[in-house]
């Protein structure tokens, strides 16, 4: 188990933590969803919504798909990640 990651945690608690990129200190938002492998149940990535369009009225144009391997530490109220935002940005499917 990677140092800094809890052994177990419910998704509702995981989603309450703010995601911060340690590369530049930018606050990315909160975990909205998870992607996982169906057969093994292992988490592949966390999904964080991108910034809202037009004053937050029209939703998000893109989201950040952050691979599990890019999570550096899960604290009591934050999740620290190390990512290149341009590489983990993807068009919002919804």
PDB file of N, CA and C in Angstrom:
ATOM      1  N   UNK A   1       0.849  -1.182   0.000  1.00  0.00           N
ATOM      2  CA  UNK A   1       0.000   0.000   0.000  1.00  0.00           C
ATOM      3  C   UNK A   1       0.890   1.240   0.000  1.00  0.00           C
ATOM      4  N   UNK A   2       0.539   2.225  -0.834  1.00  0.00           N
ATOM      5  CA  UNK A   2       1.309   3.443  -0.947  1.00  0.00           C
ATOM      6  C   UNK A   2       1.189   4.257   0.331  1.00  0.00           C
ATOM      7  N   UNK A   3       2.298   4.831   0.787  1.00  0.00           N
ATOM      8  CA  UNK A   3       2.290   5.634   2.004  1.00  0.00           C
ATOM      9  C   UNK A   3       1.340   6.816   1.840  1.00  0.00           C
ATOM     10  N   UNK A   4       0.573   7.120   2.859  1.00  0.00           N
ATOM     11  CA  UNK A   4      -0.328   8.259   2.828  1.00  0.00           C
ATOM     12  C   UNK A   4      -1.739   7.915   2.393  1.00  0.00           C
ATOM     13  N   UNK A   5      -1.961   6.717   1.855  1.00  0.00           N
ATOM     14  CA  UNK A   5      -3.302   6.332   1.439  1.00  0.00           C
ATOM     15  C   UNK A   5      -3.919   5.452   2.510  1.00  0.00           C
ATOM     16  N   UNK A   6      -5.135   5.762   2.863  1.00  0.00           N
ATOM     17  CA  UNK A   6      -5.822   4.963   3.876  1.00  0.00           C
ATOM     18  C   UNK A   6      -6.113   3.578   3.343  1.00  0.00           C
ATOM     19  N   UNK A   7      -6.276   2.651   4.244  1.00  0.00           N
ATOM     20  CA  UNK A   7      -6.553   1.275   3.860  1.00  0.00           C
ATOM     21  C   UNK A   7      -7.965   1.134   3.315  1.00  0.00           C
ATOM     22  N   UNK A   8      -8.921   1.835   3.901  1.00  0.00           N
ATOM     23  CA  UNK A   8     -10.297   1.792   3.419  1.00  0.00           C
ATOM     24  C   UNK A   8     -10.986   3.125   3.678  1.00  0.00           C
ATOM     25  N   UNK A   9     -11.943   3.439   2.816  1.00  0.00           N
ATOM     26  CA  UNK A   9     -12.677   4.689   2.938  1.00  0.00           C
ATOM     27  C   UNK A   9     -13.935   4.591   2.089  1.00  0.00           C
ATOM     28  N   UNK A  10     -15.010   5.123   2.569  1.00  0.00           N
ATOM     29  CA  UNK A  10     -16.251   5.155   1.788  1.00  0.00           C
ATOM     30  C   UNK A  10     -16.179   6.274   0.758  1.00  0.00           C
ATOM     31  N   UNK A  11     -16.857   6.059  -0.376  1.00  0.00           N
ATOM     32  CA  UNK A  11     -16.831   7.055  -1.444  1.00  0.00           C
ATOM     33  C   UNK A  11     -17.365   8.396  -0.973  1.00  0.00           C
ATOM     34  N   UNK A  12     -18.404   8.397  -0.158  1.00  0.00           N
ATOM     35  CA  UNK A  12     -18.986   9.666   0.287  1.00  0.00           C
ATOM     36  C   UNK A  12     -17.949  10.509   1.034  1.00  0.00           C
ATOM     37  N   UNK A  13     -17.056   9.897   1.777  1.00  0.00           N
ATOM     38  CA  UNK A  13     -15.986  10.630   2.469  1.00  0.00           C
ATOM     39  C   UNK A  13     -14.905  11.068   1.483  1.00  0.00           C
ATOM     40  N   UNK A  14     -14.623  10.222   0.507  1.00  0.00           N
ATOM     41  CA  UNK A  14     -13.630  10.538  -0.518  1.00  0.00           C
ATOM     42  C   UNK A  14     -14.080  11.764  -1.311  1.00  0.00           C
ATOM     43  N   UNK A  15     -15.363  11.841  -1.609  1.00  0.00           N
ATOM     44  CA  UNK A  15     -15.901  12.947  -2.387  1.00  0.00           C
ATOM     45  C   UNK A  15     -15.965  14.262  -1.641  1.00  0.00           C
ATOM     46  N   UNK A  16     -15.800  14.249  -0.334  1.00  0.00           N
ATOM     47  CA  UNK A  16     -15.826  15.475   0.466  1.00  0.00           C
ATOM     48  C   UNK A  16     -14.464  16.160   0.524  1.00  0.00           C
ATOM     49  N   UNK A  17     -13.460  15.524  -0.020  1.00  0.00           N
ATOM     50  CA  UNK A  17     -12.094  16.058   0.063  1.00  0.00           C
ATOM     51  C   UNK A  17     -11.765  16.902  -1.176  1.00  0.00           C
ATOM     52  N   UNK A  18     -11.121  18.030  -0.948  1.00  0.00           N
ATOM     53  CA  UNK A  18     -10.718  18.891  -2.047  1.00  0.00           C
ATOM     54  C   UNK A  18      -9.446  18.349  -2.692  1.00  0.00           C
ATOM     55  N   UNK A  19      -9.401  18.383  -4.021  1.00  0.00           N
ATOM     56  CA  UNK A  19      -8.244  17.881  -4.770  1.00  0.00           C
ATOM     57  C   UNK A  19      -7.339  19.063  -5.099  1.00  0.00           C
ATOM     58  N   UNK A  20      -6.057  18.925  -4.741  1.00  0.00           N
ATOM     59  CA  UNK A  20      -5.080  19.988  -4.959  1.00  0.00           C
ATOM     60  C   UNK A  20      -3.892  19.419  -5.721  1.00  0.00           C
ATOM     61  N   UNK A  21      -3.486  20.137  -6.775  1.00  0.00           N
ATOM     62  CA  UNK A  21      -2.337  19.740  -7.585  1.00  0.00           C
ATOM     63  C   UNK A  21      -1.070  20.265  -6.922  1.00  0.00           C
ATOM     64  N   UNK A  22      -0.167  19.381  -6.509  1.00  0.00           N
ATOM     65  CA  UNK A  22       1.044  19.819  -5.812  1.00  0.00           C
ATOM     66  C   UNK A  22       2.059  20.468  -6.758  1.00  0.00           C
ATOM     67  N   UNK A  23       1.870  20.326  -8.067  1.00  0.00           N
ATOM     68  CA  UNK A  23       2.789  20.949  -9.025  1.00  0.00           C
ATOM     69  C   UNK A  23       2.725  22.472  -8.962  1.00  0.00           C
ATOM     70  N   UNK A  24       1.510  23.003  -8.762  1.00  0.00           N
ATOM     71  CA  UNK A  24       1.347  24.457  -8.743  1.00  0.00           C
ATOM     72  C   UNK A  24       0.455  24.956  -7.601  1.00  0.00           C
ATOM     73  N   UNK A  25      -0.030  24.059  -6.755  1.00  0.00           N
ATOM     74  CA  UNK A  25      -0.878  24.451  -5.629  1.00  0.00           C
ATOM     75  C   UNK A  25      -2.318  24.775  -6.010  1.00  0.00           C
ATOM     76  N   UNK A  26      -2.691  24.515  -7.275  1.00  0.00           N
ATOM     77  CA  UNK A  26      -4.036  24.850  -7.741  1.00  0.00           C
ATOM     78  C   UNK A  26      -5.089  23.930  -7.132  1.00  0.00           C
ATOM     79  N   UNK A  27      -6.172  24.534  -6.676  1.00  0.00           N
ATOM     80  CA  UNK A  27      -7.317  23.766  -6.177  1.00  0.00           C
ATOM     81  C   UNK A  27      -8.156  23.359  -7.382  1.00  0.00           C
ATOM     82  N   UNK A  28      -8.313  22.056  -7.577  1.00  0.00           N
ATOM     83  CA  UNK A  28      -9.024  21.562  -8.750  1.00  0.00           C
ATOM     84  C   UNK A  28     -10.512  21.367  -8.498  1.00  0.00           C
ATOM     85  N   UNK A  29     -10.904  21.180  -7.265  1.00  0.00           N
ATOM     86  CA  UNK A  29     -12.305  20.940  -6.935  1.00  0.00           C
ATOM     87  C   UNK A  29     -12.432  19.680  -6.095  1.00  0.00           C
ATOM     88  N   UNK A  30     -13.599  19.072  -6.152  1.00  0.00           N
ATOM     89  CA  UNK A  30     -13.898  17.893  -5.350  1.00  0.00           C
ATOM     90  C   UNK A  30     -14.163  16.688  -6.246  1.00  0.00           C
ATOM     91  N   UNK A  31     -13.859  15.506  -5.747  1.00  0.00           N
ATOM     92  CA  UNK A  31     -14.077  14.271  -6.504  1.00  0.00           C
ATOM     93  C   UNK A  31     -15.570  14.132  -6.789  1.00  0.00           C
ATOM     94  N   UNK A  32     -15.898  13.974  -8.065  1.00  0.00           N
ATOM     95  CA  UNK A  32     -17.288  13.825  -8.477  1.00  0.00           C
ATOM     96  C   UNK A  32     -17.621  12.365  -8.764  1.00  0.00           C
ATOM     97  N   UNK A  33     -16.619  11.617  -9.243  1.00  0.00           N
ATOM     98  CA  UNK A  33     -16.868  10.240  -9.650  1.00  0.00           C
ATOM     99  C   UNK A  33     -15.565   9.460  -9.625  1.00  0.00           C
ATOM    100  N   UNK A  34     -15.680   8.151  -9.769  1.00  0.00           N
ATOM    101  CA  UNK A  34     -14.536   7.252  -9.850  1.00  0.00           C
ATOM    102  C   UNK A  34     -14.669   6.387 -11.085  1.00  0.00           C
ATOM    103  N   UNK A  35     -13.553   6.002 -11.675  1.00  0.00           N
ATOM    104  CA  UNK A  35     -13.538   4.965 -12.700  1.00  0.00           C
ATOM    105  C   UNK A  35     -12.820   3.777 -12.088  1.00  0.00           C
ATOM    106  N   UNK A  36     -13.382   2.593 -12.262  1.00  0.00           N
ATOM    107  CA  UNK A  36     -12.756   1.410 -11.683  1.00  0.00           C
ATOM    108  C   UNK A  36     -12.834   0.244 -12.643  1.00  0.00           C
ATOM    109  N   UNK A  37     -11.958  -0.735 -12.431  1.00  0.00           N
ATOM    110  CA  UNK A  37     -11.954  -1.955 -13.219  1.00  0.00           C
ATOM    111  C   UNK A  37     -13.077  -2.842 -12.704  1.00  0.00           C
ATOM    112  N   UNK A  38     -13.946  -3.258 -13.581  1.00  0.00           N
ATOM    113  CA  UNK A  38     -15.118  -4.029 -13.184  1.00  0.00           C
ATOM    114  C   UNK A  38     -14.734  -5.373 -12.572  1.00  0.00           C
ATOM    115  N   UNK A  39     -13.804  -6.077 -13.179  1.00  0.00           N
ATOM    116  CA  UNK A  39     -13.444  -7.419 -12.692  1.00  0.00           C
ATOM    117  C   UNK A  39     -12.747  -7.389 -11.336  1.00  0.00           C
ATOM    118  N   UNK A  40     -11.805  -6.476 -11.166  1.00  0.00           N
ATOM    119  CA  UNK A  40     -11.025  -6.450  -9.928  1.00  0.00           C
ATOM    120  C   UNK A  40     -11.596  -5.506  -8.881  1.00  0.00           C
ATOM    121  N   UNK A  41     -12.344  -4.502  -9.327  1.00  0.00           N
ATOM    122  CA  UNK A  41     -12.876  -3.503  -8.399  1.00  0.00           C
ATOM    123  C   UNK A  41     -11.860  -2.438  -8.027  1.00  0.00           C
ATOM    124  N   UNK A  42     -10.678  -2.458  -8.637  1.00  0.00           N
ATOM    125  CA  UNK A  42      -9.641  -1.476  -8.325  1.00  0.00           C
ATOM    126  C   UNK A  42      -9.957  -0.124  -8.959  1.00  0.00           C
ATOM    127  N   UNK A  43      -9.682   0.935  -8.211  1.00  0.00           N
ATOM    128  CA  UNK A  43      -9.889   2.293  -8.722  1.00  0.00           C
ATOM    129  C   UNK A  43      -8.834   2.585  -9.789  1.00  0.00           C
ATOM    130  N   UNK A  44      -9.286   3.035 -10.968  1.00  0.00           N
ATOM    131  CA  UNK A  44      -8.382   3.435 -12.044  1.00  0.00           C
ATOM    132  C   UNK A  44      -8.090   4.919 -11.971  1.00  0.00           C
ATOM    133  N   UNK A  45      -9.134   5.727 -11.715  1.00  0.00           N
ATOM    134  CA  UNK A  45      -8.949   7.177 -11.703  1.00  0.00           C
ATOM    135  C   UNK A  45     -10.073   7.854 -10.931  1.00  0.00           C
ATOM    136  N   UNK A  46      -9.781   9.090 -10.536  1.00  0.00           N
ATOM    137  CA  UNK A  46     -10.814   9.930  -9.927  1.00  0.00           C
ATOM    138  C   UNK A  46     -11.198  10.994 -10.947  1.00  0.00           C
ATOM    139  N   UNK A  47     -12.447  11.399 -10.912  1.00  0.00           N
ATOM    140  CA  UNK A  47     -12.953  12.402 -11.845  1.00  0.00           C
ATOM    141  C   UNK A  47     -13.295  13.663 -11.062  1.00  0.00           C
ATOM    142  N   UNK A  48     -12.725  14.783 -11.498  1.00  0.00           N
ATOM    143  CA  UNK A  48     -12.975  16.086 -10.888  1.00  0.00           C
ATOM    144  C   UNK A  48     -13.513  16.993 -11.983  1.00  0.00           C
ATOM    145  N   UNK A  49     -14.677  17.624 -11.772  1.00  0.00           N
ATOM    146  CA  UNK A  49     -15.219  18.507 -12.812  1.00  0.00           C
ATOM    147  C   UNK A  49     -14.301  19.702 -13.056  1.00  0.00           C
ATOM    148  N   UNK A  50     -14.213  20.118 -14.315  1.00  0.00           N
ATOM    149  CA  UNK A  50     -13.445  21.307 -14.663  1.00  0.00           C
ATOM    150  C   UNK A  50     -14.232  22.552 -14.300  1.00  0.00           C
ATOM    151  N   UNK A  51     -13.652  23.721 -14.568  1.00  0.00           N
ATOM    152  CA  UNK A  51     -14.342  24.970 -14.262  1.00  0.00           C
ATOM    153  C   UNK A  51     -15.650  25.103 -15.049  1.00  0.00           C
ATOM    154  N   UNK A  52     -16.604  25.781 -14.468  1.00  0.00           N
ATOM    155  CA  UNK A  52     -17.913  25.965 -15.106  1.00  0.00           C
ATOM    156  C   UNK A  52     -17.822  26.985 -16.230  1.00  0.00           C
ATOM    157  N   UNK A  53     -18.673  26.800 -17.229  1.00  0.00           N
ATOM    158  CA  UNK A  53     -18.792  27.750 -18.328  1.00  0.00           C
ATOM    159  C   UNK A  53     -19.767  28.856 -17.921  1.00  0.00           C
ATOM    160  N   UNK A  54     -19.594  30.025 -18.424  1.00  0.00           N
ATOM    161  CA  UNK A  54     -20.513  31.160 -18.315  1.00  0.00           C
ATOM    162  C   UNK A  54     -21.121  31.300 -16.923  1.00  0.00           C
ATOM    163  N   UNK A  55     -20.320  31.707 -15.980  1.00  0.00           N
ATOM    164  CA  UNK A  55     -20.750  32.001 -14.613  1.00  0.00           C
ATOM    165  C   UNK A  55     -21.393  30.804 -13.914  1.00  0.00           C
ATOM    166  N   UNK A  56     -21.026  29.590 -14.302  1.00  0.00           N
ATOM    167  CA  UNK A  56     -21.535  28.400 -13.632  1.00  0.00           C
ATOM    168  C   UNK A  56     -22.916  27.958 -14.058  1.00  0.00           C
ATOM    169  N   UNK A  57     -23.492  28.622 -15.043  1.00  0.00           N
ATOM    170  CA  UNK A  57     -24.863  28.315 -15.450  1.00  0.00           C
ATOM    171  C   UNK A  57     -24.914  27.135 -16.421  1.00  0.00           C
ATOM    172  N   UNK A  58     -23.963  27.027 -17.308  1.00  0.00           N
ATOM    173  CA  UNK A  58     -24.031  26.059 -18.392  1.00  0.00           C
ATOM    174  C   UNK A  58     -23.268  24.763 -18.151  1.00  0.00           C
ATOM    175  N   UNK A  59     -22.844  24.497 -16.940  1.00  0.00           N
ATOM    176  CA  UNK A  59     -22.141  23.242 -16.654  1.00  0.00           C
ATOM    177  C   UNK A  59     -20.667  23.327 -16.981  1.00  0.00           C
ATOM    178  N   UNK A  60     -20.048  22.161 -17.115  1.00  0.00           N
ATOM    179  CA  UNK A  60     -18.610  22.072 -17.344  1.00  0.00           C
ATOM    180  C   UNK A  60     -18.334  21.571 -18.759  1.00  0.00           C
ATOM    181  N   UNK A  61     -17.384  22.214 -19.410  1.00  0.00           N
ATOM    182  CA  UNK A  61     -17.001  21.795 -20.761  1.00  0.00           C
ATOM    183  C   UNK A  61     -16.105  20.557 -20.714  1.00  0.00           C
ATOM    184  N   UNK A  62     -15.275  20.471 -19.682  1.00  0.00           N
ATOM    185  CA  UNK A  62     -14.373  19.343 -19.560  1.00  0.00           C
ATOM    186  C   UNK A  62     -14.244  18.940 -18.098  1.00  0.00           C
ATOM    187  N   UNK A  63     -13.589  17.800 -17.900  1.00  0.00           N
ATOM    188  CA  UNK A  63     -13.343  17.282 -16.555  1.00  0.00           C
ATOM    189  C   UNK A  63     -11.905  16.812 -16.486  1.00  0.00           C
ATOM    190  N   UNK A  64     -11.400  16.654 -15.278  1.00  0.00           N
ATOM    191  CA  UNK A  64     -10.060  16.120 -15.076  1.00  0.00           C
ATOM    192  C   UNK A  64     -10.184  14.651 -14.702  1.00  0.00           C
ATOM    193  N   UNK A  65      -9.515  13.792 -15.454  1.00  0.00           N
ATOM    194  CA  UNK A  65      -9.474  12.364 -15.183  1.00  0.00           C
ATOM    195  C   UNK A  65      -8.073  12.080 -14.638  1.00  0.00           C
ATOM    196  N   UNK A  66      -7.974  11.909 -13.322  1.00  0.00           N
ATOM    197  CA  UNK A  66      -6.694  11.800 -12.641  1.00  0.00           C
ATOM    198  C   UNK A  66      -6.442  10.336 -12.276  1.00  0.00           C
ATOM    199  N   UNK A  67      -5.403   9.764 -12.861  1.00  0.00           N
ATOM    200  CA  UNK A  67      -5.078   8.354 -12.624  1.00  0.00           C
ATOM    201  C   UNK A  67      -4.750   8.114 -11.154  1.00  0.00           C
ATOM    202  N   UNK A  68      -5.117   6.947 -10.674  1.00  0.00           N
ATOM    203  CA  UNK A  68      -4.866   6.569  -9.284  1.00  0.00           C
ATOM    204  C   UNK A  68      -3.385   6.726  -8.923  1.00  0.00           C
ATOM    205  N   UNK A  69      -2.511   6.411  -9.861  1.00  0.00           N
ATOM    206  CA  UNK A  69      -1.078   6.492  -9.622  1.00  0.00           C
ATOM    207  C   UNK A  69      -0.604   7.922  -9.399  1.00  0.00           C
ATOM    208  N   UNK A  70      -1.407   8.907  -9.776  1.00  0.00           N
ATOM    209  CA  UNK A  70      -1.021  10.303  -9.611  1.00  0.00           C
ATOM    210  C   UNK A  70      -1.454  10.876  -8.254  1.00  0.00           C
ATOM    211  N   UNK A  71      -2.161  10.085  -7.468  1.00  0.00           N
ATOM    212  CA  UNK A  71      -2.527  10.510  -6.115  1.00  0.00           C
ATOM    213  C   UNK A  71      -1.297  10.335  -5.231  1.00  0.00           C
ATOM    214  N   UNK A  72      -0.877  11.417  -4.585  1.00  0.00           N
ATOM    215  CA  UNK A  72       0.313  11.369  -3.743  1.00  0.00           C
ATOM    216  C   UNK A  72      -0.017  11.195  -2.263  1.00  0.00           C
ATOM    217  N   UNK A  73      -1.126  11.768  -1.814  1.00  0.00           N
ATOM    218  CA  UNK A  73      -1.469  11.665  -0.402  1.00  0.00           C
ATOM    219  C   UNK A  73      -2.949  11.965  -0.232  1.00  0.00           C
ATOM    220  N   UNK A  74      -3.592  11.201   0.653  1.00  0.00           N
ATOM    221  CA  UNK A  74      -4.986  11.451   1.022  1.00  0.00           C
ATOM    222  C   UNK A  74      -4.970  11.879   2.482  1.00  0.00           C
ATOM    223  N   UNK A  75      -5.328  13.135   2.718  1.00  0.00           N
ATOM    224  CA  UNK A  75      -5.346  13.665   4.077  1.00  0.00           C
ATOM    225  C   UNK A  75      -6.750  13.667   4.644  1.00  0.00           C
ATOM    226  N   UNK A  76      -6.901  14.301   5.784  1.00  0.00           N
ATOM    227  CA  UNK A  76      -8.205  14.329   6.439  1.00  0.00           C
ATOM    228  C   UNK A  76      -9.217  15.173   5.675  1.00  0.00           C
ATOM    229  N   UNK A  77      -8.737  16.186   4.934  1.00  0.00           N
ATOM    230  CA  UNK A  77      -9.681  17.019   4.181  1.00  0.00           C
ATOM    231  C   UNK A  77      -9.238  17.343   2.758  1.00  0.00           C
ATOM    232  N   UNK A  78      -8.079  16.844   2.330  1.00  0.00           N
ATOM    233  CA  UNK A  78      -7.610  17.087   0.965  1.00  0.00           C
ATOM    234  C   UNK A  78      -7.016  15.826   0.350  1.00  0.00           C
ATOM    235  N   UNK A  79      -6.988  15.832  -0.981  1.00  0.00           N
ATOM    236  CA  UNK A  79      -6.299  14.795  -1.749  1.00  0.00           C
ATOM    237  C   UNK A  79      -5.242  15.522  -2.570  1.00  0.00           C
ATOM    238  N   UNK A  80      -3.979  15.174  -2.361  1.00  0.00           N
ATOM    239  CA  UNK A  80      -2.895  15.797  -3.105  1.00  0.00           C
ATOM    240  C   UNK A  80      -2.561  14.934  -4.310  1.00  0.00           C
ATOM    241  N   UNK A  81      -2.540  15.569  -5.481  1.00  0.00           N
ATOM    242  CA  UNK A  81      -2.230  14.865  -6.718  1.00  0.00           C
ATOM    243  C   UNK A  81      -1.078  15.580  -7.414  1.00  0.00           C
ATOM    244  N   UNK A  82      -0.390  14.857  -8.278  1.00  0.00           N
ATOM    245  CA  UNK A  82       0.694  15.434  -9.069  1.00  0.00           C
ATOM    246  C   UNK A  82       0.371  15.179 -10.530  1.00  0.00           C
ATOM    247  N   UNK A  83      -0.168  16.214 -11.203  1.00  0.00           N
ATOM    248  CA  UNK A  83      -0.640  16.034 -12.577  1.00  0.00           C
ATOM    249  C   UNK A  83      -0.273  17.210 -13.461  1.00  0.00           C
ATOM    250  N   UNK A  84      -0.185  16.920 -14.754  1.00  0.00           N
ATOM    251  CA  UNK A  84      -0.130  17.939 -15.801  1.00  0.00           C
ATOM    252  C   UNK A  84      -1.585  18.096 -16.240  1.00  0.00           C
ATOM    253  N   UNK A  85      -2.196  19.213 -15.911  1.00  0.00           N
ATOM    254  CA  UNK A  85      -3.634  19.385 -16.144  1.00  0.00           C
ATOM    255  C   UNK A  85      -4.031  19.215 -17.602  1.00  0.00           C
ATOM    256  N   UNK A  86      -3.185  19.623 -18.510  1.00  0.00           N
ATOM    257  CA  UNK A  86      -3.523  19.485 -19.932  1.00  0.00           C
ATOM    258  C   UNK A  86      -3.597  18.026 -20.358  1.00  0.00           C
ATOM    259  N   UNK A  87      -2.797  17.177 -19.728  1.00  0.00           N
ATOM    260  CA  UNK A  87      -2.788  15.761 -20.093  1.00  0.00           C
ATOM    261  C   UNK A  87      -3.949  14.987 -19.472  1.00  0.00           C
ATOM    262  N   UNK A  88      -4.494  15.468 -18.370  1.00  0.00           N
ATOM    263  CA  UNK A  88      -5.587  14.726 -17.723  1.00  0.00           C
ATOM    264  C   UNK A  88      -6.949  15.346 -18.029  1.00  0.00           C
ATOM    265  N   UNK A  89      -6.963  16.414 -18.814  1.00  0.00           N
ATOM    266  CA  UNK A  89      -8.217  17.068 -19.187  1.00  0.00           C
ATOM    267  C   UNK A  89      -8.901  16.280 -20.300  1.00  0.00           C
ATOM    268  N   UNK A  90     -10.209  16.075 -20.172  1.00  0.00           N
ATOM    269  CA  UNK A  90     -10.953  15.417 -21.245  1.00  0.00           C
ATOM    270  C   UNK A  90     -12.339  16.031 -21.350  1.00  0.00           C
ATOM    271  N   UNK A  91     -12.877  15.947 -22.524  1.00  0.00           N
ATOM    272  CA  UNK A  91     -14.211  16.504 -22.789  1.00  0.00           C
ATOM    273  C   UNK A  91     -15.237  15.845 -21.875  1.00  0.00           C
ATOM    274  N   UNK A  92     -16.085  16.654 -21.276  1.00  0.00           N
ATOM    275  CA  UNK A  92     -17.123  16.141 -20.394  1.00  0.00           C
ATOM    276  C   UNK A  92     -18.129  15.359 -21.214  1.00  0.00           C
ATOM    277  N   UNK A  93     -18.417  14.135 -20.790  1.00  0.00           N
ATOM    278  CA  UNK A  93     -19.311  13.259 -21.543  1.00  0.00           C
ATOM    279  C   UNK A  93     -20.782  13.609 -21.320  1.00  0.00           C
ATOM    280  N   UNK A  94     -21.056  14.402 -20.304  1.00  0.00           N
ATOM    281  CA  UNK A  94     -22.460  14.657 -19.954  1.00  0.00           C
ATOM    282  C   UNK A  94     -22.856  16.085 -20.117  1.00  0.00           C
TER     283      UNK A  94
END
